[in-house]
């Protein structure tokens, strides 16, 4: 799968199982892909080795919230109307709120 925004692409992996959703990027030293969490409106960055960017979208992939360079040991509390949360490498995209992202199979 690919995450596409403004003609820039990154590989995205969907976290479907309890363990993959719980682990996310915890303890990863190299982050060169994105993670997709469906039906997720909050996250934590405990036990992270690297900072990440976080995109939170509605069911139509419109970006509602964007967190740039989110440090470890942080919590993003539940956000209203968020359906998808995406974690990705820092500064990979130049994100603007209220724009759409695309996820291709």
Protein backbone atom coordinates (compact mmCIF):
# COMPACT_ATOMS: atom_id res chain seq x y z
CA UNK A 1 0.00 0.00 0.00
CA UNK A 2 1.09 3.58 -0.63
CA UNK A 3 0.23 6.84 1.11
CA UNK A 4 0.14 9.70 -1.40
CA UNK A 5 0.08 13.43 -0.66
CA UNK A 6 0.96 16.16 -3.19
CA UNK A 7 2.48 13.59 -5.59
CA UNK A 8 4.88 12.29 -2.93
CA UNK A 9 4.55 8.62 -1.89
CA UNK A 10 5.55 6.47 1.05
CA UNK A 11 4.91 2.80 1.79
CA UNK A 12 2.19 2.38 4.41
CA UNK A 13 1.48 -0.69 6.54
CA UNK A 14 -1.94 -1.19 8.10
CA UNK A 15 -1.89 -2.24 11.75
CA UNK A 16 -4.74 -4.72 12.08
CA UNK A 17 -3.92 -6.93 15.05
CA UNK A 18 -3.91 -5.96 18.70
CA UNK A 19 -0.14 -6.47 18.92
CA UNK A 20 0.68 -4.47 15.76
CA UNK A 21 -1.58 -1.62 16.92
CA UNK A 22 -0.04 -1.66 20.39
CA UNK A 23 3.54 -1.78 19.16
CA UNK A 24 3.39 0.74 16.32
CA UNK A 25 6.90 2.23 16.03
CA UNK A 26 7.90 1.42 19.62
CA UNK A 27 11.61 0.55 19.89
CA UNK A 28 12.23 1.14 16.15
CA UNK A 29 15.57 2.79 15.40
CA UNK A 30 14.81 3.43 11.72
CA UNK A 31 11.43 4.71 10.49
CA UNK A 32 11.22 4.72 6.68
CA UNK A 33 7.56 3.83 6.15
CA UNK A 34 4.17 4.87 7.56
CA UNK A 35 1.68 3.05 9.77
CA UNK A 36 -2.11 3.20 9.35
CA UNK A 37 -4.44 2.73 12.31
CA UNK A 38 -8.10 2.50 11.24
CA UNK A 39 -10.79 3.35 13.80
CA UNK A 40 -8.19 5.08 15.96
CA UNK A 41 -8.52 8.61 17.35
CA UNK A 42 -5.72 8.72 19.94
CA UNK A 43 -2.11 7.51 20.29
CA UNK A 44 0.87 7.50 22.62
CA UNK A 45 4.60 7.69 21.91
CA UNK A 46 5.89 5.79 24.94
CA UNK A 47 9.02 3.69 24.31
CA UNK A 48 9.69 5.40 20.97
CA UNK A 49 13.29 5.83 19.85
CA UNK A 50 12.53 8.50 17.22
CA UNK A 51 10.15 11.42 16.88
CA UNK A 52 7.31 10.99 14.39
CA UNK A 53 4.72 12.98 12.47
CA UNK A 54 1.07 12.10 13.07
CA UNK A 55 -1.83 12.69 10.69
CA UNK A 56 -5.41 12.24 11.92
CA UNK A 57 -8.14 12.02 9.27
CA UNK A 58 -11.88 11.62 9.03
CA UNK A 59 -13.54 8.74 7.14
CA UNK A 60 -13.07 10.63 3.83
CA UNK A 61 -9.29 11.03 4.37
CA UNK A 62 -9.54 14.75 5.07
CA UNK A 63 -6.76 15.80 7.44
CA UNK A 64 -8.26 17.13 10.68
CA UNK A 65 -5.13 17.19 12.87
CA UNK A 66 -1.42 17.15 12.13
CA UNK A 67 1.37 16.81 14.69
CA UNK A 68 4.85 17.56 13.40
CA UNK A 69 7.95 16.14 15.11
CA UNK A 70 6.01 14.57 18.01
CA UNK A 71 8.48 13.60 20.73
CA UNK A 72 8.56 10.39 22.75
CA UNK A 73 6.46 9.97 25.90
CA UNK A 74 3.55 12.04 24.61
CA UNK A 75 -0.16 11.29 24.48
CA UNK A 76 -2.67 12.54 21.94
CA UNK A 77 -6.04 12.30 23.64
CA UNK A 78 -9.10 11.16 21.65
CA UNK A 79 -10.14 13.60 18.93
CA UNK A 80 -13.70 14.04 17.68
CA UNK A 81 -14.51 12.87 14.11
CA UNK A 82 -11.12 11.15 13.65
CA UNK A 83 -11.40 7.78 11.91
CA UNK A 84 -7.79 7.10 10.81
CA UNK A 85 -4.46 7.86 12.41
CA UNK A 86 -1.22 7.68 10.44
CA UNK A 87 2.28 7.69 11.94
CA UNK A 88 5.17 8.52 9.63
CA UNK A 89 8.78 9.75 9.54
CA UNK A 90 9.38 13.33 10.62
CA UNK A 91 8.98 15.98 7.87
CA UNK A 92 8.26 13.47 5.10
CA UNK A 93 5.24 15.47 3.89
CA UNK A 94 4.51 19.19 4.08
CA UNK A 95 0.99 18.76 5.47
CA UNK A 96 -1.86 21.27 5.47
CA UNK A 97 -5.05 20.71 7.47
CA UNK A 98 -8.35 20.27 5.64
CA UNK A 99 -6.66 18.74 2.60
CA UNK A 100 -7.03 15.11 1.50
CA UNK A 101 -4.56 12.27 1.51
CA UNK A 102 -4.80 9.18 -0.68
CA UNK A 103 -4.18 5.57 0.26
CA UNK A 104 -3.68 3.21 -2.70
CA UNK A 105 -3.63 -0.56 -2.54
